[in-house]
Amino acid sequence: MSSIYEDRAKVFKSLADEKRLRILELLKSGEKCACVLTDLLDMPQSSLSYHMKILTESGIVEGRTEGKWTHYRISPFGAKIAVELLKQITSVDEECDCESCCN
């Protein structure tokens, strides 16, 4: 069973690579077949599979199989969760009494 921190780390890991950011940029215009992504990225299928595994495990991307190919798209729900997660962990706790907790 994974912890909440492991789940959060998956989201940030998926965004912490320039190739995965490029994949997300390509998927912004809509669903793409893995065969199209390999061509556009000039990337071997095995490398694309590695990056897509990380993106799908994070929940930001989802895939569906059609024949021998997988078609990928950005998950609206997963993208919303990622945005909310970033807001949640970077918001400042305004109720912090620094004299009691920070000294």
PDB file of N, CA and C in Angstrom:
ATOM      1  N   MET A   1       0.845  -1.181   0.000  1.00  0.00           N
ATOM      2  CA  MET A   1       0.000   0.000   0.000  1.00  0.00           C
ATOM      3  C   MET A   1       0.891   1.245   0.000  1.00  0.00           C
ATOM      4  N   SER A   2       0.645   2.138  -0.960  1.00  0.00           N
ATOM      5  CA  SER A   2       1.498   3.323  -1.052  1.00  0.00           C
ATOM      6  C   SER A   2       0.983   4.422  -0.130  1.00  0.00           C
ATOM      7  N   SER A   3       1.920   5.235   0.295  1.00  0.00           N
ATOM      8  CA  SER A   3       1.553   6.343   1.167  1.00  0.00           C
ATOM      9  C   SER A   3       1.103   7.527   0.319  1.00  0.00           C
ATOM     10  N   ILE A   4       0.498   8.489   0.967  1.00  0.00           N
ATOM     11  CA  ILE A   4       0.052   9.694   0.271  1.00  0.00           C
ATOM     12  C   ILE A   4       1.250  10.425  -0.350  1.00  0.00           C
ATOM     13  N   TYR A   5       2.400  10.338   0.303  1.00  0.00           N
ATOM     14  CA  TYR A   5       3.588  11.007  -0.214  1.00  0.00           C
ATOM     15  C   TYR A   5       4.117  10.314  -1.468  1.00  0.00           C
ATOM     16  N   GLU A   6       4.008   9.002  -1.520  1.00  0.00           N
ATOM     17  CA  GLU A   6       4.413   8.278  -2.726  1.00  0.00           C
ATOM     18  C   GLU A   6       3.506   8.636  -3.896  1.00  0.00           C
ATOM     19  N   ASP A   7       2.218   8.747  -3.637  1.00  0.00           N
ATOM     20  CA  ASP A   7       1.276   9.136  -4.689  1.00  0.00           C
ATOM     21  C   ASP A   7       1.554  10.553  -5.177  1.00  0.00           C
ATOM     22  N   ARG A   8       1.832  11.451  -4.266  1.00  0.00           N
ATOM     23  CA  ARG A   8       2.162  12.825  -4.646  1.00  0.00           C
ATOM     24  C   ARG A   8       3.455  12.879  -5.445  1.00  0.00           C
ATOM     25  N   ALA A   9       4.437  12.100  -5.036  1.00  0.00           N
ATOM     26  CA  ALA A   9       5.727  12.083  -5.729  1.00  0.00           C
ATOM     27  C   ALA A   9       5.571  11.612  -7.170  1.00  0.00           C
ATOM     28  N   LYS A  10       4.645  10.695  -7.420  1.00  0.00           N
ATOM     29  CA  LYS A  10       4.400  10.225  -8.793  1.00  0.00           C
ATOM     30  C   LYS A  10       3.968  11.375  -9.693  1.00  0.00           C
ATOM     31  N   VAL A  11       3.135  12.254  -9.172  1.00  0.00           N
ATOM     32  CA  VAL A  11       2.675  13.404  -9.958  1.00  0.00           C
ATOM     33  C   VAL A  11       3.856  14.292 -10.315  1.00  0.00           C
ATOM     34  N   PHE A  12       4.680  14.604  -9.328  1.00  0.00           N
ATOM     35  CA  PHE A  12       5.790  15.512  -9.589  1.00  0.00           C
ATOM     36  C   PHE A  12       6.891  14.853 -10.416  1.00  0.00           C
ATOM     37  N   LYS A  13       7.090  13.558 -10.233  1.00  0.00           N
ATOM     38  CA  LYS A  13       8.057  12.840 -11.061  1.00  0.00           C
ATOM     39  C   LYS A  13       7.633  12.913 -12.522  1.00  0.00           C
ATOM     40  N   SER A  14       6.348  12.792 -12.777  1.00  0.00           N
ATOM     41  CA  SER A  14       5.871  12.815 -14.152  1.00  0.00           C
ATOM     42  C   SER A  14       6.119  14.170 -14.814  1.00  0.00           C
ATOM     43  N   LEU A  15       6.193  15.228 -14.037  1.00  0.00           N
ATOM     44  CA  LEU A  15       6.397  16.575 -14.567  1.00  0.00           C
ATOM     45  C   LEU A  15       7.860  17.016 -14.544  1.00  0.00           C
ATOM     46  N   ALA A  16       8.727  16.189 -14.000  1.00  0.00           N
ATOM     47  CA  ALA A  16      10.119  16.593 -13.770  1.00  0.00           C
ATOM     48  C   ALA A  16      11.080  16.098 -14.848  1.00  0.00           C
ATOM     49  N   ASP A  17      10.578  15.932 -16.059  1.00  0.00           N
ATOM     50  CA  ASP A  17      11.429  15.452 -17.146  1.00  0.00           C
ATOM     51  C   ASP A  17      11.044  16.197 -18.418  1.00  0.00           C
ATOM     52  N   GLU A  18      12.024  16.701 -19.136  1.00  0.00           N
ATOM     53  CA  GLU A  18      11.730  17.507 -20.322  1.00  0.00           C
ATOM     54  C   GLU A  18      11.025  16.701 -21.420  1.00  0.00           C
ATOM     55  N   LYS A  19      11.341  15.415 -21.544  1.00  0.00           N
ATOM     56  CA  LYS A  19      10.661  14.600 -22.562  1.00  0.00           C
ATOM     57  C   LYS A  19       9.185  14.423 -22.212  1.00  0.00           C
ATOM     58  N   ARG A  20       8.894  14.210 -20.945  1.00  0.00           N
ATOM     59  CA  ARG A  20       7.500  14.060 -20.539  1.00  0.00           C
ATOM     60  C   ARG A  20       6.746  15.379 -20.677  1.00  0.00           C
ATOM     61  N   LEU A  21       7.413  16.488 -20.420  1.00  0.00           N
ATOM     62  CA  LEU A  21       6.774  17.789 -20.631  1.00  0.00           C
ATOM     63  C   LEU A  21       6.464  18.000 -22.113  1.00  0.00           C
ATOM     64  N   ARG A  22       7.359  17.549 -22.967  1.00  0.00           N
ATOM     65  CA  ARG A  22       7.108  17.652 -24.416  1.00  0.00           C
ATOM     66  C   ARG A  22       5.930  16.762 -24.823  1.00  0.00           C
ATOM     67  N   ILE A  23       5.858  15.570 -24.253  1.00  0.00           N
ATOM     68  CA  ILE A  23       4.725  14.682 -24.526  1.00  0.00           C
ATOM     69  C   ILE A  23       3.425  15.364 -24.118  1.00  0.00           C
ATOM     70  N   LEU A  24       3.396  15.958 -22.939  1.00  0.00           N
ATOM     71  CA  LEU A  24       2.191  16.649 -22.478  1.00  0.00           C
ATOM     72  C   LEU A  24       1.829  17.796 -23.415  1.00  0.00           C
ATOM     73  N   GLU A  25       2.828  18.506 -23.904  1.00  0.00           N
ATOM     74  CA  GLU A  25       2.585  19.588 -24.848  1.00  0.00           C
ATOM     75  C   GLU A  25       1.911  19.062 -26.115  1.00  0.00           C
ATOM     76  N   LEU A  26       2.368  17.910 -26.600  1.00  0.00           N
ATOM     77  CA  LEU A  26       1.766  17.305 -27.790  1.00  0.00           C
ATOM     78  C   LEU A  26       0.346  16.819 -27.519  1.00  0.00           C
ATOM     79  N   LEU A  27       0.103  16.340 -26.317  1.00  0.00           N
ATOM     80  CA  LEU A  27      -1.223  15.812 -25.985  1.00  0.00           C
ATOM     81  C   LEU A  27      -2.243  16.917 -25.706  1.00  0.00           C
ATOM     82  N   LYS A  28      -1.775  18.156 -25.527  1.00  0.00           N
ATOM     83  CA  LYS A  28      -2.703  19.259 -25.284  1.00  0.00           C
ATOM     84  C   LYS A  28      -3.675  19.440 -26.440  1.00  0.00           C
ATOM     85  N   SER A  29      -3.252  19.085 -27.654  1.00  0.00           N
ATOM     86  CA  SER A  29      -4.123  19.263 -28.817  1.00  0.00           C
ATOM     87  C   SER A  29      -5.083  18.094 -29.015  1.00  0.00           C
ATOM     88  N   GLY A  30      -4.989  17.086 -28.157  1.00  0.00           N
ATOM     89  CA  GLY A  30      -5.905  15.958 -28.241  1.00  0.00           C
ATOM     90  C   GLY A  30      -5.188  14.627 -28.220  1.00  0.00           C
ATOM     91  N   GLU A  31      -5.984  13.572 -28.268  1.00  0.00           N
ATOM     92  CA  GLU A  31      -5.474  12.206 -28.198  1.00  0.00           C
ATOM     93  C   GLU A  31      -4.501  11.918 -29.334  1.00  0.00           C
ATOM     94  N   LYS A  32      -3.443  11.178 -28.994  1.00  0.00           N
ATOM     95  CA  LYS A  32      -2.441  10.784 -29.983  1.00  0.00           C
ATOM     96  C   LYS A  32      -2.110   9.311 -29.807  1.00  0.00           C
ATOM     97  N   CYS A  33      -1.937   8.646 -30.922  1.00  0.00           N
ATOM     98  CA  CYS A  33      -1.494   7.256 -30.930  1.00  0.00           C
ATOM     99  C   CYS A  33      -0.005   7.214 -30.567  1.00  0.00           C
ATOM    100  N   ALA A  34       0.399   6.147 -29.913  1.00  0.00           N
ATOM    101  CA  ALA A  34       1.816   5.979 -29.577  1.00  0.00           C
ATOM    102  C   ALA A  34       2.676   6.030 -30.836  1.00  0.00           C
ATOM    103  N   CYS A  35       2.167   5.507 -31.942  1.00  0.00           N
ATOM    104  CA  CYS A  35       2.944   5.523 -33.192  1.00  0.00           C
ATOM    105  C   CYS A  35       3.197   6.953 -33.658  1.00  0.00           C
ATOM    106  N   VAL A  36       2.235   7.837 -33.466  1.00  0.00           N
ATOM    107  CA  VAL A  36       2.397   9.241 -33.836  1.00  0.00           C
ATOM    108  C   VAL A  36       3.399   9.912 -32.891  1.00  0.00           C
ATOM    109  N   LEU A  37       3.287   9.630 -31.606  1.00  0.00           N
ATOM    110  CA  LEU A  37       4.194  10.227 -30.626  1.00  0.00           C
ATOM    111  C   LEU A  37       5.646   9.819 -30.879  1.00  0.00           C
ATOM    112  N   THR A  38       5.868   8.543 -31.215  1.00  0.00           N
ATOM    113  CA  THR A  38       7.251   8.109 -31.481  1.00  0.00           C
ATOM    114  C   THR A  38       7.822   8.868 -32.667  1.00  0.00           C
ATOM    115  N   ASP A  39       7.008   9.106 -33.684  1.00  0.00           N
ATOM    116  CA  ASP A  39       7.477   9.860 -34.854  1.00  0.00           C
ATOM    117  C   ASP A  39       7.734  11.320 -34.515  1.00  0.00           C
ATOM    118  N   LEU A  40       6.785  11.949 -33.846  1.00  0.00           N
ATOM    119  CA  LEU A  40       6.925  13.371 -33.513  1.00  0.00           C
ATOM    120  C   LEU A  40       8.099  13.643 -32.577  1.00  0.00           C
ATOM    121  N   LEU A  41       8.356  12.701 -31.690  1.00  0.00           N
ATOM    122  CA  LEU A  41       9.423  12.881 -30.703  1.00  0.00           C
ATOM    123  C   LEU A  41      10.750  12.285 -31.158  1.00  0.00           C
ATOM    124  N   ASP A  42      10.723  11.576 -32.296  1.00  0.00           N
ATOM    125  CA  ASP A  42      11.909  10.870 -32.786  1.00  0.00           C
ATOM    126  C   ASP A  42      12.496  10.019 -31.654  1.00  0.00           C
ATOM    127  N   MET A  43      11.614   9.189 -31.092  1.00  0.00           N
ATOM    128  CA  MET A  43      11.939   8.412 -29.909  1.00  0.00           C
ATOM    129  C   MET A  43      11.575   6.945 -30.173  1.00  0.00           C
ATOM    130  N   PRO A  44      12.427   6.015 -29.764  1.00  0.00           N
ATOM    131  CA  PRO A  44      12.065   4.609 -29.916  1.00  0.00           C
ATOM    132  C   PRO A  44      10.825   4.273 -29.074  1.00  0.00           C
ATOM    133  N   GLN A  45      10.098   3.280 -29.521  1.00  0.00           N
ATOM    134  CA  GLN A  45       8.868   2.884 -28.842  1.00  0.00           C
ATOM    135  C   GLN A  45       9.133   2.488 -27.396  1.00  0.00           C
ATOM    136  N   SER A  46      10.257   1.841 -27.136  1.00  0.00           N
ATOM    137  CA  SER A  46      10.566   1.422 -25.765  1.00  0.00           C
ATOM    138  C   SER A  46      10.757   2.629 -24.834  1.00  0.00           C
ATOM    139  N   SER A  47      11.386   3.687 -25.343  1.00  0.00           N
ATOM    140  CA  SER A  47      11.569   4.903 -24.542  1.00  0.00           C
ATOM    141  C   SER A  47      10.236   5.592 -24.298  1.00  0.00           C
ATOM    142  N   LEU A  48       9.402   5.651 -25.340  1.00  0.00           N
ATOM    143  CA  LEU A  48       8.087   6.256 -25.172  1.00  0.00           C
ATOM    144  C   LEU A  48       7.281   5.482 -24.127  1.00  0.00           C
ATOM    145  N   SER A  49       7.340   4.164 -24.187  1.00  0.00           N
ATOM    146  CA  SER A  49       6.605   3.335 -23.223  1.00  0.00           C
ATOM    147  C   SER A  49       7.022   3.648 -21.791  1.00  0.00           C
ATOM    148  N   TYR A  50       8.310   3.819 -21.579  1.00  0.00           N
ATOM    149  CA  TYR A  50       8.823   4.157 -20.243  1.00  0.00           C
ATOM    150  C   TYR A  50       8.200   5.467 -19.750  1.00  0.00           C
ATOM    151  N   HIS A  51       8.234   6.492 -20.607  1.00  0.00           N
ATOM    152  CA  HIS A  51       7.704   7.797 -20.207  1.00  0.00           C
ATOM    153  C   HIS A  51       6.187   7.758 -20.032  1.00  0.00           C
ATOM    154  N   MET A  52       5.505   7.017 -20.900  1.00  0.00           N
ATOM    155  CA  MET A  52       4.055   6.936 -20.789  1.00  0.00           C
ATOM    156  C   MET A  52       3.630   6.182 -19.532  1.00  0.00           C
ATOM    157  N   LYS A  53       4.426   5.200 -19.124  1.00  0.00           N
ATOM    158  CA  LYS A  53       4.138   4.473 -17.878  1.00  0.00           C
ATOM    159  C   LYS A  53       4.159   5.442 -16.692  1.00  0.00           C
ATOM    160  N   ILE A  54       5.144   6.298 -16.655  1.00  0.00           N
ATOM    161  CA  ILE A  54       5.259   7.274 -15.561  1.00  0.00           C
ATOM    162  C   ILE A  54       4.091   8.264 -15.615  1.00  0.00           C
ATOM    163  N   LEU A  55       3.757   8.743 -16.815  1.00  0.00           N
ATOM    164  CA  LEU A  55       2.663   9.696 -16.949  1.00  0.00           C
ATOM    165  C   LEU A  55       1.313   9.074 -16.599  1.00  0.00           C
ATOM    166  N   THR A  56       1.095   7.820 -17.001  1.00  0.00           N
ATOM    167  CA  THR A  56      -0.194   7.189 -16.696  1.00  0.00           C
ATOM    168  C   THR A  56      -0.295   6.809 -15.217  1.00  0.00           C
ATOM    169  N   GLU A  57       0.811   6.370 -14.611  1.00  0.00           N
ATOM    170  CA  GLU A  57       0.778   6.045 -13.177  1.00  0.00           C
ATOM    171  C   GLU A  57       0.504   7.271 -12.324  1.00  0.00           C
ATOM    172  N   SER A  58       0.885   8.444 -12.825  1.00  0.00           N
ATOM    173  CA  SER A  58       0.619   9.677 -12.084  1.00  0.00           C
ATOM    174  C   SER A  58      -0.847  10.069 -12.166  1.00  0.00           C
ATOM    175  N   GLY A  59      -1.547   9.552 -13.178  1.00  0.00           N
ATOM    176  CA  GLY A  59      -2.950   9.902 -13.374  1.00  0.00           C
ATOM    177  C   GLY A  59      -3.162  11.080 -14.304  1.00  0.00           C
ATOM    178  N   ILE A  60      -2.090  11.744 -14.713  1.00  0.00           N
ATOM    179  CA  ILE A  60      -2.202  12.921 -15.576  1.00  0.00           C
ATOM    180  C   ILE A  60      -2.563  12.525 -17.006  1.00  0.00           C
ATOM    181  N   VAL A  61      -2.120  11.352 -17.431  1.00  0.00           N
ATOM    182  CA  VAL A  61      -2.405  10.849 -18.777  1.00  0.00           C
ATOM    183  C   VAL A  61      -3.131   9.519 -18.648  1.00  0.00           C
ATOM    184  N   GLU A  62      -4.025   9.276 -19.584  1.00  0.00           N
ATOM    185  CA  GLU A  62      -4.688   7.977 -19.640  1.00  0.00           C
ATOM    186  C   GLU A  62      -4.560   7.425 -21.049  1.00  0.00           C
ATOM    187  N   GLY A  63      -4.541   6.109 -21.129  1.00  0.00           N
ATOM    188  CA  GLY A  63      -4.391   5.461 -22.419  1.00  0.00           C
ATOM    189  C   GLY A  63      -5.494   4.456 -22.664  1.00  0.00           C
ATOM    190  N   ARG A  64      -5.760   4.235 -23.933  1.00  0.00           N
ATOM    191  CA  ARG A  64      -6.715   3.196 -24.323  1.00  0.00           C
ATOM    192  C   ARG A  64      -6.090   2.421 -25.472  1.00  0.00           C
ATOM    193  N   THR A  65      -6.275   1.121 -25.444  1.00  0.00           N
ATOM    194  CA  THR A  65      -5.691   0.251 -26.457  1.00  0.00           C
ATOM    195  C   THR A  65      -6.678   0.060 -27.599  1.00  0.00           C
ATOM    196  N   GLU A  66      -6.150   0.200 -28.786  1.00  0.00           N
ATOM    197  CA  GLU A  66      -6.929  -0.051 -29.998  1.00  0.00           C
ATOM    198  C   GLU A  66      -6.035  -0.859 -30.936  1.00  0.00           C
ATOM    199  N   GLY A  67      -6.363  -2.125 -31.100  1.00  0.00           N
ATOM    200  CA  GLY A  67      -5.493  -2.994 -31.891  1.00  0.00           C
ATOM    201  C   GLY A  67      -4.176  -3.183 -31.165  1.00  0.00           C
ATOM    202  N   LYS A  68      -3.091  -2.984 -31.889  1.00  0.00           N
ATOM    203  CA  LYS A  68      -1.775  -3.152 -31.254  1.00  0.00           C
ATOM    204  C   LYS A  68      -1.213  -1.850 -30.687  1.00  0.00           C
ATOM    205  N   TRP A  69      -1.933  -0.752 -30.861  1.00  0.00           N
ATOM    206  CA  TRP A  69      -1.438   0.547 -30.412  1.00  0.00           C
ATOM    207  C   TRP A  69      -2.233   1.072 -29.235  1.00  0.00           C
ATOM    208  N   THR A  70      -1.575   1.910 -28.464  1.00  0.00           N
ATOM    209  CA  THR A  70      -2.242   2.609 -27.373  1.00  0.00           C
ATOM    210  C   THR A  70      -2.373   4.072 -27.762  1.00  0.00           C
ATOM    211  N   HIS A  71      -3.526   4.627 -27.476  1.00  0.00           N
ATOM    212  CA  HIS A  71      -3.806   6.038 -27.743  1.00  0.00           C
ATOM    213  C   HIS A  71      -3.837   6.751 -26.393  1.00  0.00           C
ATOM    214  N   TYR A  72      -3.126   7.880 -26.323  1.00  0.00           N
ATOM    215  CA  TYR A  72      -2.987   8.597 -25.055  1.00  0.00           C
ATOM    216  C   TYR A  72      -3.639   9.962 -25.134  1.00  0.00           C
ATOM    217  N   ARG A  73      -4.119  10.405 -23.975  1.00  0.00           N
ATOM    218  CA  ARG A  73      -4.667  11.753 -23.858  1.00  0.00           C
ATOM    219  C   ARG A  73      -4.467  12.235 -22.431  1.00  0.00           C
ATOM    220  N   ILE A  74      -4.505  13.539 -22.268  1.00  0.00           N
ATOM    221  CA  ILE A  74      -4.434  14.115 -20.928  1.00  0.00           C
ATOM    222  C   ILE A  74      -5.770  13.830 -20.234  1.00  0.00           C
ATOM    223  N   SER A  75      -5.692  13.369 -19.018  1.00  0.00           N
ATOM    224  CA  SER A  75      -6.886  13.110 -18.220  1.00  0.00           C
ATOM    225  C   SER A  75      -7.327  14.418 -17.566  1.00  0.00           C
ATOM    226  N   PRO A  76      -8.515  14.910 -17.891  1.00  0.00           N
ATOM    227  CA  PRO A  76      -8.973  16.149 -17.245  1.00  0.00           C
ATOM    228  C   PRO A  76      -9.002  16.023 -15.720  1.00  0.00           C
ATOM    229  N   PHE A  77      -9.444  14.881 -15.229  1.00  0.00           N
ATOM    230  CA  PHE A  77      -9.492  14.668 -13.783  1.00  0.00           C
ATOM    231  C   PHE A  77      -8.079  14.634 -13.190  1.00  0.00           C
ATOM    232  N   GLY A  78      -7.166  13.894 -13.835  1.00  0.00           N
ATOM    233  CA  GLY A  78      -5.789  13.802 -13.350  1.00  0.00           C
ATOM    234  C   GLY A  78      -5.076  15.147 -13.376  1.00  0.00           C
ATOM    235  N   ALA A  79      -5.327  15.924 -14.419  1.00  0.00           N
ATOM    236  CA  ALA A  79      -4.711  17.252 -14.520  1.00  0.00           C
ATOM    237  C   ALA A  79      -5.229  18.161 -13.409  1.00  0.00           C
ATOM    238  N   LYS A  80      -6.524  18.065 -13.130  1.00  0.00           N
ATOM    239  CA  LYS A  80      -7.111  18.878 -12.055  1.00  0.00           C
ATOM    240  C   LYS A  80      -6.514  18.497 -10.705  1.00  0.00           C
ATOM    241  N   ILE A  81      -6.351  17.203 -10.468  1.00  0.00           N
ATOM    242  CA  ILE A  81      -5.758  16.729  -9.214  1.00  0.00           C
ATOM    243  C   ILE A  81      -4.328  17.262  -9.067  1.00  0.00           C
ATOM    244  N   ALA A  82      -3.551  17.246 -10.164  1.00  0.00           N
ATOM    245  CA  ALA A  82      -2.169  17.731 -10.120  1.00  0.00           C
ATOM    246  C   ALA A  82      -2.123  19.214  -9.772  1.00  0.00           C
ATOM    247  N   VAL A  83      -3.001  19.996 -10.370  1.00  0.00           N
ATOM    248  CA  VAL A  83      -3.054  21.437 -10.068  1.00  0.00           C
ATOM    249  C   VAL A  83      -3.426  21.666  -8.612  1.00  0.00           C
ATOM    250  N   GLU A  84      -4.426  20.956  -8.154  1.00  0.00           N
ATOM    251  CA  GLU A  84      -4.866  21.105  -6.767  1.00  0.00           C
ATOM    252  C   GLU A  84      -3.779  20.665  -5.785  1.00  0.00           C
ATOM    253  N   LEU A  85      -3.060  19.615  -6.131  1.00  0.00           N
ATOM    254  CA  LEU A  85      -1.977  19.135  -5.279  1.00  0.00           C
ATOM    255  C   LEU A  85      -0.898  20.204  -5.132  1.00  0.00           C
ATOM    256  N   LEU A  86      -0.508  20.818  -6.245  1.00  0.00           N
ATOM    257  CA  LEU A  86       0.506  21.869  -6.183  1.00  0.00           C
ATOM    258  C   LEU A  86       0.026  23.038  -5.329  1.00  0.00           C
ATOM    259  N   LYS A  87      -1.224  23.419  -5.496  1.00  0.00           N
ATOM    260  CA  LYS A  87      -1.773  24.500  -4.670  1.00  0.00           C
ATOM    261  C   LYS A  87      -1.757  24.118  -3.197  1.00  0.00           C
ATOM    262  N   GLN A  88      -2.159  22.878  -2.921  1.00  0.00           N
ATOM    263  CA  GLN A  88      -2.261  22.422  -1.531  1.00  0.00           C
ATOM    264  C   GLN A  88      -0.906  22.413  -0.835  1.00  0.00           C
ATOM    265  N   ILE A  89       0.111  21.898  -1.490  1.00  0.00           N
ATOM    266  CA  ILE A  89       1.397  21.769  -0.786  1.00  0.00           C
ATOM    267  C   ILE A  89       2.225  23.050  -0.789  1.00  0.00           C
ATOM    268  N   THR A  90       1.805  24.046  -1.590  1.00  0.00           N
ATOM    269  CA  THR A  90       2.560  25.300  -1.602  1.00  0.00           C
ATOM    270  C   THR A  90       1.821  26.451  -0.942  1.00  0.00           C
ATOM    271  N   SER A  91       0.621  26.188  -0.444  1.00  0.00           N
ATOM    272  CA  SER A  91      -0.104  27.273   0.224  1.00  0.00           C
ATOM    273  C   SER A  91       0.465  27.464   1.627  1.00  0.00           C
ATOM    274  N   VAL A  92       0.577  28.712   1.995  1.00  0.00           N
ATOM    275  CA  VAL A  92       1.132  29.062   3.299  1.00  0.00           C
ATOM    276  C   VAL A  92       0.038  28.967   4.346  1.00  0.00           C
ATOM    277  N   ASP A  93       0.367  28.335   5.457  1.00  0.00           N
ATOM    278  CA  ASP A  93      -0.581  28.213   6.562  1.00  0.00           C
ATOM    279  C   ASP A  93      -0.617  29.547   7.298  1.00  0.00           C
ATOM    280  N   GLU A  94      -1.669  30.293   7.088  1.00  0.00           N
ATOM    281  CA  GLU A  94      -1.801  31.626   7.684  1.00  0.00           C
ATOM    282  C   GLU A  94      -2.026  31.592   9.189  1.00  0.00           C
ATOM    283  N   GLU A  95      -2.385  30.413   9.704  1.00  0.00           N
ATOM    284  CA  GLU A  95      -2.682  30.322  11.125  1.00  0.00           C
ATOM    285  C   GLU A  95      -1.469  29.904  11.952  1.00  0.00           C
ATOM    286  N   CYS A  96      -0.305  29.894  11.354  1.00  0.00           N
ATOM    287  CA  CYS A  96       0.903  29.485  12.066  1.00  0.00           C
ATOM    288  C   CYS A  96       1.271  30.539  13.110  1.00  0.00           C
ATOM    289  N   ASP A  97       1.420  30.088  14.332  1.00  0.00           N
ATOM    290  CA  ASP A  97       1.883  30.945  15.421  1.00  0.00           C
ATOM    291  C   ASP A  97       3.361  30.657  15.569  1.00  0.00           C
ATOM    292  N   CYS A  98       4.185  31.440  14.913  1.00  0.00           N
ATOM    293  CA  CYS A  98       5.617  31.135  14.822  1.00  0.00           C
ATOM    294  C   CYS A  98       6.316  31.071  16.169  1.00  0.00           C
ATOM    295  N   GLU A  99       5.809  31.735  17.163  1.00  0.00           N
ATOM    296  CA  GLU A  99       6.459  31.679  18.460  1.00  0.00           C
ATOM    297  C   GLU A  99       6.344  30.295  19.086  1.00  0.00           C
ATOM    298  N   SER A 100       5.261  29.584  18.779  1.00  0.00           N
ATOM    299  CA  SER A 100       5.081  28.281  19.404  1.00  0.00           C
ATOM    300  C   SER A 100       5.616  27.124  18.559  1.00  0.00           C
ATOM    301  N   CYS A 101       5.626  27.267  17.243  1.00  0.00           N
ATOM    302  CA  CYS A 101       6.010  26.125  16.420  1.00  0.00           C
ATOM    303  C   CYS A 101       7.364  26.264  15.744  1.00  0.00           C
ATOM    304  N   CYS A 102       7.855  27.444  15.565  1.00  0.00           N
ATOM    305  CA  CYS A 102       9.094  27.630  14.790  1.00  0.00           C
ATOM    306  C   CYS A 102      10.314  27.985  15.632  1.00  0.00           C
ATOM    307  N   ASN A 103      10.141  28.161  16.879  1.00  0.00           N
ATOM    308  CA  ASN A 103      11.296  28.522  17.736  1.00  0.00           C
ATOM    309  C   ASN A 103      11.745  27.359  18.560  1.00  0.00           C
TER     310      ASN A 103
END
